[in-house]
Amino acid sequence: IFYNKPSIQLVTITMATSLARNMLTRAVNRTCTQQLSRSAIISSKPVDTSLFAISSSLNNTRWFASYPSHEVVGMPSLSPTMESGTVSEWIVAEGSSFAAGEVICSVETDKATVDFEAQDDGVVAKHLVEAGSGEIPCGTPIMVTVEEEGDVAAFKDFVAESSEPEAAAPPAVEAPPAAAPTPAPVAAPTPAAAPAAASPGERVIASPRAHTLAKEKGYGEISALRIVGTGPGGRIVAQDVLEYDPSTVPAVAAAAEPVAAAPAPAVASPAAPAPLAEPVVGPGYTDYSLPASALELAARLHTSKQNVPHYYLTIDLTLDSIMELRSSLNSTMKLDENDGGITVNDLMMKAAAAAMKTVPAANASWLDSFVRVYDSVDINVVVGNGSSLYAPVIRDVGRRGLKAVSDDVATATSVVDGEEGGDPTTVPGFGDVGTFTMVNLGMFGVKSCAPIIREPQACALALGAIENRIVPNDDADSEEIYKESVMVTATLSCDHRVVDGAVGAQWLSAFKNHVENPVTLLL
């Protein structure tokens, strides 16, 4: 017990029991500029500067009189930008000891899964959170550690203090504990603090992990989900996607709109696309509004061009053999007058999928700390132009028949042309991102093009115009030095983080082999 005498110097205080140590820590952590109350264990004189060293050494450790000496460990910040994480797996179980440098648990962030390594030896007394229980802000208690295994049993019913001590720390009001419940109900205007969902056409800020989860769950583009982001600045994080319930979308949309504007939007159907505003004519110019899908595509391409280290490889392809195969296939099928049959672009897609089988490293994605290689080749085919530009995905091109792939492409084209009716953005597959992208600009007479890669893909292929060219004759029995051949120029854009120059060249070589020897597509 310490007496309240001014003559006692703070630097000579000796804490004889854990109770004294606990009281000292709580008194020092209140504030460095205020005087301690007369009921405290320390003198009410101004705090000596040497006391800050004592405070800093006790800052990461919580001591309680009813528990043995222990440490409450919070969610670590494992990167400069990490603000929250999820304990994906506990490596060290409760009651087990660990050594310095040993992995205690795996922490999943928006970008990667990182190991949390111990800094000292100890024993895990209790896990305060379950593995996979959701995102936890950095600093929130996740476990209790002790020095001796015999102290573990004392923490069976341990409950951590409030995970937000800073929010409840305004020291200006020194009210008794009984007054604490009063402000709690007053500070409950949750709807006002909730961030609003993104409006159609507005660029959505979301973590890469959130984009990946949305695609894996079959939701499509995250901008069309009207998810309310709970991250910094309204950023959509992975936990928001995991908690997303499509059945609650109308309710979320209605709650996010202002009260004053509630009567008019409440009548409109949330699924109906907003009509475009009329063009605005100015002195010497005209402003045209764009649909939400065009704005979203522009935002994604802008981000991809900034983030992805592009490089380009170009090759010339001879199409004589593949043109003969196309004519042979279409002549054997019973086609009606509206069916164009197999196109050269369909055969090019099959050749690209076959090249992915030869060089699977190109059918991959960069996911910050690792590269994911896909088993299925899902190709986004760019169709339409201008504000009606879409890139529907054709699934599993490598394992499906050529006619099935051709039918899917024809259906997507008819939707964009308006033959099928309805909004293309509501058609399944139009908002999804595959593993590879193809664009054909030959109809516009363009010889070659360097396409922008769509994240998280690693490659995109552009085809130019098919034309007859005079090339050297490779027939040794022919007397002609040159011959006329049907050719096209293909340009491959690669993400250098995933596909380096050698891998890109191998893929183009395999693609060229399948195009110029189309019989290999049967293998």
Protein backbone atom coordinates (compact mmCIF):
# COMPACT_ATOMS: atom_id res chain seq x y z
CA ILE A 1 0.00 0.00 0.00
CA PHE A 2 1.35 3.43 -0.92
CA TYR A 3 0.51 6.61 0.94
CA ASN A 4 -0.23 9.90 -0.65
CA LYS A 5 2.91 11.82 0.48
CA PRO A 6 4.53 14.50 -1.71
CA SER A 7 8.00 13.47 -0.57
CA ILE A 8 7.81 10.09 -2.25
CA GLN A 9 9.63 10.12 -5.61
CA LEU A 10 7.85 8.25 -8.41
CA VAL A 11 11.00 6.73 -9.82
CA THR A 12 11.55 4.77 -6.60
CA ILE A 13 8.13 3.13 -6.48
CA THR A 14 8.32 -0.62 -6.00
CA MET A 15 5.27 -2.64 -6.88
CA ALA A 16 5.02 -5.51 -4.46
CA THR A 17 1.88 -7.13 -5.81
CA SER A 18 0.08 -7.47 -9.13
CA LEU A 19 -2.69 -5.26 -7.72
CA ALA A 20 -0.25 -2.39 -7.21
CA ARG A 21 1.12 -2.84 -10.72
CA ASN A 22 -2.37 -2.81 -12.19
CA MET A 23 -3.33 0.38 -10.36
CA LEU A 24 -0.12 2.11 -11.42
CA THR A 25 -0.64 1.26 -15.06
CA ARG A 26 -4.23 2.48 -15.10
CA ALA A 27 -3.24 5.75 -13.41
CA VAL A 28 -0.39 6.51 -15.81
CA ASN A 29 -2.39 5.67 -18.97
CA ARG A 30 -5.14 8.18 -18.23
CA THR A 31 -3.17 11.19 -19.41
CA CYS A 32 0.29 12.62 -19.17
CA THR A 33 -0.83 16.17 -18.57
CA GLN A 34 -3.48 15.77 -15.87
CA GLN A 35 -2.89 15.26 -12.16
CA LEU A 36 -3.93 11.98 -10.63
CA SER A 37 -6.82 11.98 -8.19
CA ARG A 38 -6.27 11.82 -4.43
CA SER A 39 -7.69 8.30 -4.31
CA ALA A 40 -4.96 7.00 -6.64
CA ILE A 41 -1.95 5.09 -5.47
CA ILE A 42 0.47 7.80 -6.61
CA SER A 43 1.09 11.34 -5.40
CA SER A 44 -1.02 14.12 -6.89
CA LYS A 45 2.16 16.01 -7.73
CA PRO A 46 2.98 16.47 -11.44
CA VAL A 47 4.05 13.20 -13.05
CA ASP A 48 7.78 12.69 -13.31
CA THR A 49 9.08 12.15 -16.87
CA SER A 50 10.69 8.87 -15.90
CA LEU A 51 7.23 7.46 -15.37
CA PHE A 52 6.66 7.36 -19.13
CA ALA A 53 9.20 4.57 -19.40
CA ILE A 54 7.20 2.55 -16.90
CA SER A 55 4.00 3.24 -18.83
CA SER A 56 5.44 2.27 -22.21
CA SER A 57 6.77 -1.01 -20.83
CA LEU A 58 3.32 -1.91 -19.52
CA ASN A 59 1.35 -0.66 -22.51
CA ASN A 60 1.07 -4.01 -24.31
CA THR A 61 0.34 -5.98 -21.14
CA ARG A 62 -2.86 -5.95 -19.13
CA TRP A 63 -2.59 -6.97 -15.48
CA PHE A 64 -5.55 -7.92 -13.28
CA ALA A 65 -5.53 -8.68 -9.61
CA SER A 66 -7.73 -11.78 -10.08
CA TYR A 67 -5.55 -13.29 -12.83
CA PRO A 68 -1.93 -14.38 -12.99
CA SER A 69 0.47 -12.22 -14.97
CA HIS A 70 -0.52 -12.38 -18.62
CA GLU A 71 -0.60 -10.46 -21.90
CA VAL A 72 -3.64 -9.65 -23.99
CA VAL A 73 -2.46 -9.69 -27.61
CA GLY A 74 -4.33 -7.58 -30.16
CA MET A 75 -4.78 -8.09 -33.88
CA PRO A 76 -1.35 -7.15 -35.31
CA SER A 77 -0.81 -4.70 -38.15
CA LEU A 78 1.24 -6.90 -40.50
CA SER A 79 1.62 -4.30 -43.25
CA PRO A 80 1.75 -0.48 -43.44
CA THR A 81 -1.75 -0.30 -44.94
CA MET A 82 -3.43 -3.05 -42.91
CA GLU A 83 -6.38 -1.82 -40.86
CA SER A 84 -8.17 -5.09 -40.16
CA GLY A 85 -7.77 -8.83 -40.67
CA THR A 86 -9.34 -12.23 -40.16
CA VAL A 87 -7.82 -15.08 -38.17
CA SER A 88 -8.11 -17.80 -40.79
CA GLU A 89 -6.42 -20.54 -38.72
CA TRP A 90 -5.02 -20.99 -35.22
CA ILE A 91 -1.70 -22.83 -35.47
CA VAL A 92 -1.01 -22.89 -31.71
CA ALA A 93 -3.93 -24.30 -29.72
CA GLU A 94 -5.06 -23.15 -26.29
CA GLY A 95 -2.77 -24.47 -23.59
CA SER A 96 0.10 -25.05 -26.02
CA SER A 97 3.45 -23.33 -25.70
CA PHE A 98 5.31 -21.48 -28.45
CA ALA A 99 8.82 -20.18 -29.01
CA ALA A 100 10.06 -16.92 -30.48
CA GLY A 101 9.68 -16.97 -34.26
CA GLU A 102 7.03 -19.70 -34.25
CA VAL A 103 3.81 -19.05 -36.19
CA ILE A 104 0.86 -18.62 -33.84
CA CYS A 105 -1.91 -18.05 -36.38
CA SER A 106 -2.61 -17.16 -40.00
CA VAL A 107 -4.14 -13.74 -40.60
CA GLU A 108 -6.04 -13.05 -43.81
CA THR A 109 -6.14 -9.47 -45.07
CA ASP A 110 -7.74 -7.93 -48.14
CA LYS A 111 -4.58 -8.64 -50.10
CA ALA A 112 -2.93 -11.78 -48.73
CA THR A 113 -2.72 -14.37 -45.95
CA VAL A 114 0.16 -13.62 -43.60
CA ASP A 115 1.67 -15.62 -40.71
CA PHE A 116 1.68 -13.98 -37.26
CA GLU A 117 4.96 -14.96 -35.62
CA ALA A 118 5.66 -14.82 -31.88
CA GLN A 119 8.27 -12.37 -30.63
CA ASP A 120 8.94 -14.18 -27.31
CA ASP A 121 8.39 -17.56 -25.69
CA GLY A 122 5.08 -18.19 -23.96
CA VAL A 123 1.89 -20.21 -23.66
CA VAL A 124 -1.48 -19.50 -25.32
CA ALA A 125 -3.97 -19.32 -22.47
CA LYS A 126 -7.12 -18.49 -24.44
CA HIS A 127 -8.29 -17.64 -27.96
CA LEU A 128 -10.55 -14.59 -27.77
CA VAL A 129 -11.79 -14.97 -31.38
CA GLU A 130 -12.68 -18.03 -33.42
CA ALA A 131 -10.93 -18.83 -36.68
CA GLY A 132 -12.87 -17.41 -39.63
CA SER A 133 -15.13 -15.28 -37.43
CA GLY A 134 -14.81 -12.22 -39.66
CA GLU A 135 -12.67 -9.11 -39.97
CA ILE A 136 -11.20 -7.69 -36.77
CA PRO A 137 -9.76 -4.15 -36.52
CA CYS A 138 -6.07 -3.93 -35.71
CA GLY A 139 -5.49 -3.71 -31.97
CA THR A 140 -8.62 -5.65 -31.00
CA PRO A 141 -7.74 -8.47 -28.53
CA ILE A 142 -7.47 -11.88 -30.18
CA MET A 143 -5.70 -14.02 -27.56
CA VAL A 144 -4.19 -14.18 -24.06
CA THR A 145 -0.69 -15.46 -23.40
CA VAL A 146 1.01 -16.43 -20.13
CA GLU A 147 4.49 -17.46 -19.13
CA GLU A 148 3.66 -20.68 -17.26
CA GLU A 149 1.43 -23.56 -18.38
CA GLY A 150 0.02 -23.81 -14.87
CA ASP A 151 -1.65 -20.39 -15.29
CA VAL A 152 -3.75 -21.45 -18.30
CA ALA A 153 -6.67 -22.81 -16.28
CA ALA A 154 -7.25 -19.43 -14.64
CA PHE A 155 -8.28 -17.92 -18.00
CA LYS A 156 -11.02 -20.40 -18.88
CA ASP A 157 -13.75 -17.77 -18.45
CA PHE A 158 -11.60 -14.76 -19.28
CA VAL A 159 -13.35 -11.94 -21.15
CA ALA A 160 -11.33 -9.18 -22.77
CA GLU A 161 -11.95 -5.55 -21.96
CA SER A 162 -13.75 -3.34 -24.46
CA SER A 163 -12.05 -3.55 -27.84
CA GLU A 164 -12.51 0.18 -28.33
CA PRO A 165 -11.01 1.82 -25.24
CA GLU A 166 -10.09 4.95 -27.15
CA ALA A 167 -13.66 5.62 -28.19
CA ALA A 168 -14.83 5.46 -24.57
CA ALA A 169 -11.89 7.40 -23.20
CA PRO A 170 -13.04 11.02 -23.05
CA PRO A 171 -11.53 11.90 -19.63
CA ALA A 172 -13.16 15.31 -19.48
CA VAL A 173 -16.24 13.81 -17.81
CA GLU A 174 -15.28 12.18 -14.50
CA ALA A 175 -18.69 10.74 -13.82
CA PRO A 176 -19.25 7.73 -11.55
CA PRO A 177 -19.59 4.32 -13.26
CA ALA A 178 -23.37 4.40 -12.78
CA ALA A 179 -23.62 7.24 -15.29
CA ALA A 180 -21.93 5.23 -18.05
CA PRO A 181 -25.10 3.51 -19.40
CA THR A 182 -26.83 6.88 -19.94
CA PRO A 183 -24.91 8.11 -23.01
CA ALA A 184 -25.01 4.67 -24.66
CA PRO A 185 -28.61 4.86 -25.93
CA VAL A 186 -28.13 8.50 -26.98
CA ALA A 187 -25.23 7.61 -29.27
CA ALA A 188 -27.27 5.09 -31.24
CA PRO A 189 -28.14 6.90 -34.53
CA THR A 190 -26.69 4.06 -36.59
CA PRO A 191 -28.54 4.81 -39.85
CA ALA A 192 -27.01 8.27 -40.08
CA ALA A 193 -23.49 6.89 -39.71
CA ALA A 194 -23.94 4.13 -42.28
CA PRO A 195 -22.18 4.91 -45.57
CA ALA A 196 -24.35 5.13 -48.65
CA ALA A 197 -24.17 2.54 -51.39
CA ALA A 198 -22.60 3.53 -54.69
CA SER A 199 -25.00 4.96 -57.23
CA PRO A 200 -25.10 3.54 -60.78
CA GLY A 201 -22.16 4.80 -62.83
CA GLU A 202 -20.16 5.84 -59.80
CA ARG A 203 -16.74 4.27 -59.47
CA VAL A 204 -16.74 1.69 -56.71
CA ILE A 205 -13.71 1.48 -54.41
CA ALA A 206 -13.20 -2.11 -53.30
CA SER A 207 -10.31 -4.29 -52.24
CA PRO A 208 -8.92 -6.92 -54.63
CA ARG A 209 -10.08 -9.64 -52.24
CA ALA A 210 -13.63 -8.22 -52.38
CA HIS A 211 -13.61 -8.31 -56.21
CA THR A 212 -12.36 -11.91 -56.16
CA LEU A 213 -15.00 -13.03 -53.64
CA ALA A 214 -17.78 -11.41 -55.67
CA LYS A 215 -16.72 -13.36 -58.75
CA GLU A 216 -16.27 -16.63 -56.87
CA LYS A 217 -19.78 -16.35 -55.41
CA GLY A 218 -21.26 -15.65 -58.85
CA TYR A 219 -22.34 -12.07 -58.09
CA GLY A 220 -20.50 -10.64 -61.11
CA GLU A 221 -19.18 -7.09 -61.09
CA ILE A 222 -19.10 -5.67 -57.59
CA SER A 223 -20.32 -2.25 -58.80
CA ALA A 224 -23.74 -3.72 -59.63
CA LEU A 225 -24.34 -5.19 -56.17
CA ARG A 226 -25.01 -1.94 -54.24
CA ILE A 227 -22.92 -3.16 -51.33
CA VAL A 228 -22.43 -0.65 -48.53
CA GLY A 229 -18.69 -0.52 -47.85
CA THR A 230 -17.58 -0.52 -44.23
CA GLY A 231 -13.89 0.07 -44.89
CA PRO A 232 -12.06 3.41 -44.77
CA GLY A 233 -13.81 6.01 -46.90
CA GLY A 234 -16.63 3.60 -47.75
CA ARG A 235 -14.24 1.03 -49.27
CA ILE A 236 -15.82 -2.37 -49.84
CA VAL A 237 -13.84 -5.06 -48.04
CA ALA A 238 -14.03 -8.85 -48.16
CA GLN A 239 -16.30 -9.09 -45.11
CA ASP A 240 -18.88 -6.86 -46.85
CA VAL A 241 -19.10 -9.35 -49.73
CA LEU A 242 -19.33 -12.32 -47.35
CA GLU A 243 -22.24 -10.66 -45.50
CA TYR A 244 -23.98 -9.55 -48.71
CA ASP A 245 -27.51 -10.91 -49.12
CA PRO A 246 -29.05 -10.36 -52.59
CA SER A 247 -32.56 -10.51 -51.10
CA THR A 248 -31.89 -7.35 -49.09
CA VAL A 249 -30.74 -5.21 -52.03
CA PRO A 250 -34.01 -3.22 -52.37
CA ALA A 251 -33.99 -2.47 -48.63
CA VAL A 252 -30.38 -1.33 -48.71
CA ALA A 253 -31.00 0.84 -51.73
CA ALA A 254 -34.02 2.46 -50.12
CA ALA A 255 -32.17 3.09 -46.86
CA ALA A 256 -29.27 4.69 -48.68
CA GLU A 257 -31.37 7.36 -50.39
CA PRO A 258 -32.11 10.75 -48.77
CA VAL A 259 -35.42 11.21 -47.00
CA ALA A 260 -36.38 14.16 -49.15
CA ALA A 261 -35.98 12.18 -52.36
CA ALA A 262 -37.63 9.03 -51.01
CA PRO A 263 -41.11 9.39 -52.60
CA ALA A 264 -39.96 9.45 -56.23
CA PRO A 265 -37.30 6.71 -56.26
CA ALA A 266 -39.40 4.41 -54.09
CA VAL A 267 -41.83 3.85 -56.97
CA ALA A 268 -39.14 3.07 -59.54
CA SER A 269 -38.01 -0.52 -59.91
CA PRO A 270 -34.43 -1.03 -58.71
CA ALA A 271 -33.77 -3.50 -61.52
CA ALA A 272 -34.73 -1.04 -64.27
CA PRO A 273 -31.73 0.85 -65.74
CA ALA A 274 -31.89 4.60 -65.28
CA PRO A 275 -32.66 6.43 -68.52
CA LEU A 276 -29.84 8.46 -69.99
CA ALA A 277 -30.07 12.22 -69.75
CA GLU A 278 -30.62 14.20 -72.91
CA PRO A 279 -27.48 15.54 -74.64
CA VAL A 280 -26.45 18.97 -73.45
CA VAL A 281 -25.60 21.36 -76.27
CA GLY A 282 -23.12 24.11 -75.51
CA PRO A 283 -21.27 26.73 -77.54
CA GLY A 284 -19.31 24.57 -79.96
CA TYR A 285 -19.74 21.23 -78.15
CA THR A 286 -22.28 18.60 -77.07
CA ASP A 287 -22.14 16.54 -73.86
CA TYR A 288 -23.50 12.98 -74.01
CA SER A 289 -24.37 10.91 -70.96
CA LEU A 290 -23.01 7.37 -70.64
CA PRO A 291 -24.70 4.30 -69.17
CA ALA A 292 -23.46 2.81 -65.93
CA SER A 293 -21.91 -0.18 -67.73
CA ALA A 294 -19.75 2.09 -69.91
CA LEU A 295 -18.61 4.08 -66.90
CA GLU A 296 -17.73 0.92 -65.00
CA LEU A 297 -15.74 -0.48 -67.95
CA ALA A 298 -13.88 2.82 -68.33
CA ALA A 299 -13.01 2.86 -64.63
CA ARG A 300 -11.73 -0.73 -64.70
CA LEU A 301 -9.60 -0.16 -67.80
CA HIS A 302 -8.20 3.04 -66.31
CA THR A 303 -7.22 1.21 -63.13
CA SER A 304 -5.75 -1.72 -65.07
CA LYS A 305 -3.60 0.51 -67.24
CA GLN A 306 -2.22 2.20 -64.13
CA ASN A 307 -1.60 -0.94 -62.07
CA VAL A 308 -0.57 -3.59 -64.60
CA PRO A 309 2.96 -3.47 -66.11
CA HIS A 310 1.99 -4.10 -69.75
CA TYR A 311 4.28 -5.32 -72.48
CA TYR A 312 3.32 -6.46 -76.00
CA LEU A 313 4.25 -9.26 -78.39
CA THR A 314 3.18 -9.32 -82.06
CA ILE A 315 3.15 -12.18 -84.55
CA ASP A 316 1.84 -12.79 -88.09
CA LEU A 317 -0.37 -15.84 -88.65
CA THR A 318 -1.12 -17.72 -91.85
CA LEU A 319 -4.83 -18.56 -92.10
CA ASP A 320 -4.91 -20.71 -95.24
CA SER A 321 -5.44 -23.98 -93.36
CA ILE A 322 -7.92 -22.62 -90.84
CA MET A 323 -9.99 -21.01 -93.62
CA GLU A 324 -10.21 -24.37 -95.37
CA LEU A 325 -11.28 -26.05 -92.12
CA ARG A 326 -13.97 -23.43 -91.58
CA SER A 327 -15.38 -23.95 -95.07
CA SER A 328 -15.35 -27.71 -94.60
CA LEU A 329 -17.16 -27.54 -91.23
CA ASN A 330 -19.84 -25.13 -92.41
CA SER A 331 -20.51 -27.17 -95.54
CA THR A 332 -21.20 -30.28 -93.48
CA MET A 333 -23.65 -28.53 -91.12
CA LYS A 334 -27.24 -27.81 -91.99
CA LEU A 335 -27.31 -24.04 -91.61
CA ASP A 336 -30.35 -21.87 -92.09
CA GLU A 337 -30.19 -18.50 -93.80
CA ASN A 338 -29.77 -16.65 -90.48
CA ASP A 339 -27.00 -18.89 -89.17
CA GLY A 340 -23.51 -17.78 -90.13
CA GLY A 341 -22.00 -21.02 -88.90
CA ILE A 342 -18.50 -21.29 -87.52
CA THR A 343 -16.51 -18.05 -87.81
CA VAL A 344 -12.78 -17.49 -87.94
CA ASN A 345 -13.04 -15.79 -84.57
CA ASP A 346 -14.58 -18.96 -83.08
CA LEU A 347 -11.65 -21.01 -84.33
CA MET A 348 -9.23 -18.42 -82.96
CA MET A 349 -10.85 -18.77 -79.53
CA LYS A 350 -10.38 -22.55 -79.63
CA ALA A 351 -6.76 -22.08 -80.69
CA ALA A 352 -6.20 -19.67 -77.77
CA ALA A 353 -7.72 -22.18 -75.34
CA ALA A 354 -5.51 -24.93 -76.77
CA ALA A 355 -2.46 -22.69 -76.33
CA MET A 356 -3.43 -22.25 -72.66
CA LYS A 357 -3.25 -26.02 -72.30
CA THR A 358 0.28 -25.96 -73.69
CA VAL A 359 1.36 -22.92 -71.61
CA PRO A 360 -0.93 -22.87 -68.54
CA ALA A 361 1.11 -20.10 -66.87
CA ALA A 362 -0.63 -17.57 -69.14
CA ASN A 363 -4.08 -18.55 -67.85
CA ALA A 364 -3.45 -16.94 -64.48
CA SER A 365 -4.01 -13.90 -62.27
CA TRP A 366 -1.81 -11.74 -60.07
CA LEU A 367 -3.22 -11.67 -56.52
CA ASP A 368 -0.65 -9.47 -54.74
CA SER A 369 1.33 -12.12 -52.87
CA PHE A 370 0.74 -15.14 -55.12
CA VAL A 371 -0.24 -16.14 -58.67
CA ARG A 372 -3.41 -18.15 -59.24
CA VAL A 373 -3.43 -20.50 -62.27
CA TYR A 374 -6.89 -21.51 -63.52
CA ASP A 375 -7.96 -24.91 -64.81
CA SER A 376 -10.77 -23.59 -67.01
CA VAL A 377 -10.24 -21.15 -69.90
CA ASP A 378 -13.01 -18.53 -69.68
CA ILE A 379 -12.65 -15.99 -72.48
CA ASN A 380 -14.16 -12.49 -72.48
CA VAL A 381 -15.05 -11.62 -76.08
CA VAL A 382 -15.32 -7.90 -76.78
CA VAL A 383 -18.43 -7.15 -78.84
CA GLY A 384 -20.22 -3.93 -79.76
CA ASN A 385 -18.73 -0.46 -79.89
CA GLY A 386 -19.02 2.96 -78.27
CA SER A 387 -21.44 3.10 -75.35
CA SER A 388 -22.67 -0.39 -76.32
CA LEU A 389 -19.29 -2.04 -75.76
CA TYR A 390 -19.50 -5.26 -73.75
CA ALA A 391 -17.23 -8.21 -73.00
CA PRO A 392 -19.39 -11.26 -72.16
CA VAL A 393 -17.55 -14.31 -70.92
CA ILE A 394 -17.61 -17.62 -72.81
CA ARG A 395 -17.08 -20.36 -70.25
CA ASP A 396 -14.76 -23.35 -70.50
CA VAL A 397 -13.77 -22.83 -74.14
CA GLY A 398 -11.04 -25.46 -74.00
CA ARG A 399 -13.28 -28.40 -72.99
CA ARG A 400 -16.42 -27.52 -75.00
CA GLY A 401 -17.20 -28.21 -78.61
CA LEU A 402 -16.61 -25.65 -81.31
CA LYS A 403 -20.32 -25.39 -82.19
CA ALA A 404 -21.30 -24.74 -78.57
CA VAL A 405 -18.72 -21.95 -78.32
CA SER A 406 -19.92 -20.48 -81.61
CA ASP A 407 -23.55 -20.49 -80.41
CA ASP A 408 -22.61 -18.65 -77.20
CA VAL A 409 -20.75 -15.96 -79.13
CA ALA A 410 -23.65 -15.57 -81.56
CA THR A 411 -26.10 -15.20 -78.66
CA ALA A 412 -23.95 -12.53 -77.02
CA THR A 413 -23.68 -10.62 -80.29
CA SER A 414 -27.44 -10.71 -80.85
CA VAL A 415 -28.03 -9.36 -77.33
CA VAL A 416 -25.74 -6.40 -77.97
CA ASP A 417 -27.36 -5.76 -81.36
CA GLY A 418 -30.77 -5.67 -79.65
CA GLU A 419 -32.15 -8.74 -81.40
CA GLU A 420 -32.81 -10.55 -78.12
CA GLY A 421 -34.30 -7.51 -76.39
CA GLY A 422 -33.72 -6.32 -72.84
CA ASP A 423 -30.71 -4.78 -71.17
CA PRO A 424 -27.42 -6.62 -71.91
CA THR A 425 -26.24 -6.00 -68.33
CA THR A 426 -29.03 -8.27 -67.04
CA VAL A 427 -27.93 -11.21 -69.22
CA PRO A 428 -25.84 -13.83 -67.34
CA GLY A 429 -22.16 -13.63 -68.25
CA PHE A 430 -22.11 -10.02 -69.44
CA GLY A 431 -20.74 -8.67 -66.18
CA ASP A 432 -18.34 -11.50 -65.33
CA VAL A 433 -14.57 -11.45 -65.72
CA GLY A 434 -12.97 -14.53 -67.22
CA THR A 435 -9.34 -15.61 -67.34
CA PHE A 436 -8.46 -14.22 -70.81
CA THR A 437 -9.74 -11.53 -73.19
CA MET A 438 -9.96 -11.46 -76.99
CA VAL A 439 -10.82 -8.50 -79.20
CA ASN A 440 -11.13 -8.55 -83.01
CA LEU A 441 -10.79 -5.20 -84.79
CA GLY A 442 -10.48 -6.68 -88.26
CA MET A 443 -13.93 -5.46 -89.27
CA PHE A 444 -12.66 -1.89 -88.96
CA GLY A 445 -9.62 -2.51 -91.14
CA VAL A 446 -7.19 -2.20 -88.24
CA LYS A 447 -4.00 -4.17 -88.86
CA SER A 448 -2.87 -4.49 -85.22
CA CYS A 449 -3.83 -3.32 -81.77
CA ALA A 450 -2.29 -3.40 -78.27
CA PRO A 451 -5.22 -4.14 -75.92
CA ILE A 452 -5.49 -3.15 -72.26
CA ILE A 453 -5.51 -6.08 -69.85
CA ARG A 454 -8.57 -6.40 -67.62
CA GLU A 455 -7.61 -7.08 -64.02
CA PRO A 456 -7.14 -9.62 -62.60
CA GLN A 457 -6.34 -11.31 -65.94
CA ALA A 458 -2.75 -11.65 -67.10
CA CYS A 459 -3.17 -11.56 -70.89
CA ALA A 460 -5.32 -10.07 -73.64
CA LEU A 461 -5.18 -10.88 -77.36
CA ALA A 462 -6.09 -8.53 -80.23
CA LEU A 463 -6.62 -9.64 -83.84
CA GLY A 464 -6.31 -7.35 -86.84
CA ALA A 465 -7.78 -7.41 -90.31
CA ILE A 466 -7.53 -10.57 -92.43
CA GLU A 467 -5.79 -9.73 -95.69
CA ASN A 468 -4.04 -11.33 -98.64
CA ARG A 469 -0.30 -10.81 -98.55
CA ILE A 470 2.56 -11.74 -100.84
CA VAL A 471 4.98 -13.90 -98.87
CA PRO A 472 7.97 -16.09 -99.73
CA ASN A 473 6.97 -19.47 -101.09
CA ASP A 474 8.00 -22.25 -98.74
CA ASP A 475 7.10 -25.00 -101.25
CA ALA A 476 10.38 -26.52 -102.40
CA ASP A 477 8.76 -28.14 -105.45
CA SER A 478 7.26 -24.88 -106.71
CA GLU A 479 9.02 -22.70 -109.27
CA GLU A 480 7.38 -19.56 -107.89
CA ILE A 481 9.47 -17.55 -105.47
CA TYR A 482 6.49 -15.83 -103.86
CA LYS A 483 2.93 -16.83 -103.19
CA GLU A 484 -0.28 -15.19 -102.02
CA SER A 485 -1.43 -16.15 -98.53
CA VAL A 486 -4.26 -15.17 -96.18
CA MET A 487 -2.73 -13.66 -93.06
CA VAL A 488 -3.58 -11.75 -89.91
CA THR A 489 -1.55 -9.94 -87.26
CA ALA A 490 -2.08 -10.90 -83.61
CA THR A 491 -0.84 -8.86 -80.63
CA LEU A 492 -0.64 -10.28 -77.11
CA SER A 493 -0.64 -7.93 -74.10
CA CYS A 494 0.95 -9.48 -71.02
CA ASP A 495 1.19 -8.64 -67.33
CA HIS A 496 4.92 -8.87 -66.66
CA ARG A 497 4.29 -9.79 -63.01
CA VAL A 498 2.71 -13.07 -64.15
CA VAL A 499 3.89 -13.71 -67.72
CA ASP A 500 7.45 -12.73 -68.54
CA GLY A 501 8.80 -12.38 -72.07
CA ALA A 502 9.82 -16.01 -72.46
CA VAL A 503 6.44 -17.36 -71.32
CA GLY A 504 4.59 -14.89 -73.55
CA ALA A 505 6.69 -15.95 -76.53
CA GLN A 506 5.99 -19.62 -75.78
CA TRP A 507 2.26 -18.95 -75.67
CA LEU A 508 2.31 -17.08 -79.00
CA SER A 509 4.33 -19.89 -80.57
CA ALA A 510 1.78 -22.47 -79.38
CA PHE A 511 -1.08 -20.26 -80.60
CA LYS A 512 0.54 -19.91 -84.02
CA ASN A 513 1.01 -23.67 -84.27
CA HIS A 514 -2.67 -24.36 -83.52
CA VAL A 515 -3.87 -21.69 -85.98
CA GLU A 516 -1.64 -22.80 -88.85
CA ASN A 517 -2.23 -26.51 -88.10
CA PRO A 518 -5.88 -26.54 -86.99
CA VAL A 519 -6.02 -30.33 -86.94
CA THR A 520 -4.19 -30.07 -83.58
CA LEU A 521 -7.38 -28.59 -82.10
CA LEU A 522 -8.80 -32.10 -82.13
CA LEU A 523 -6.12 -33.37 -79.75
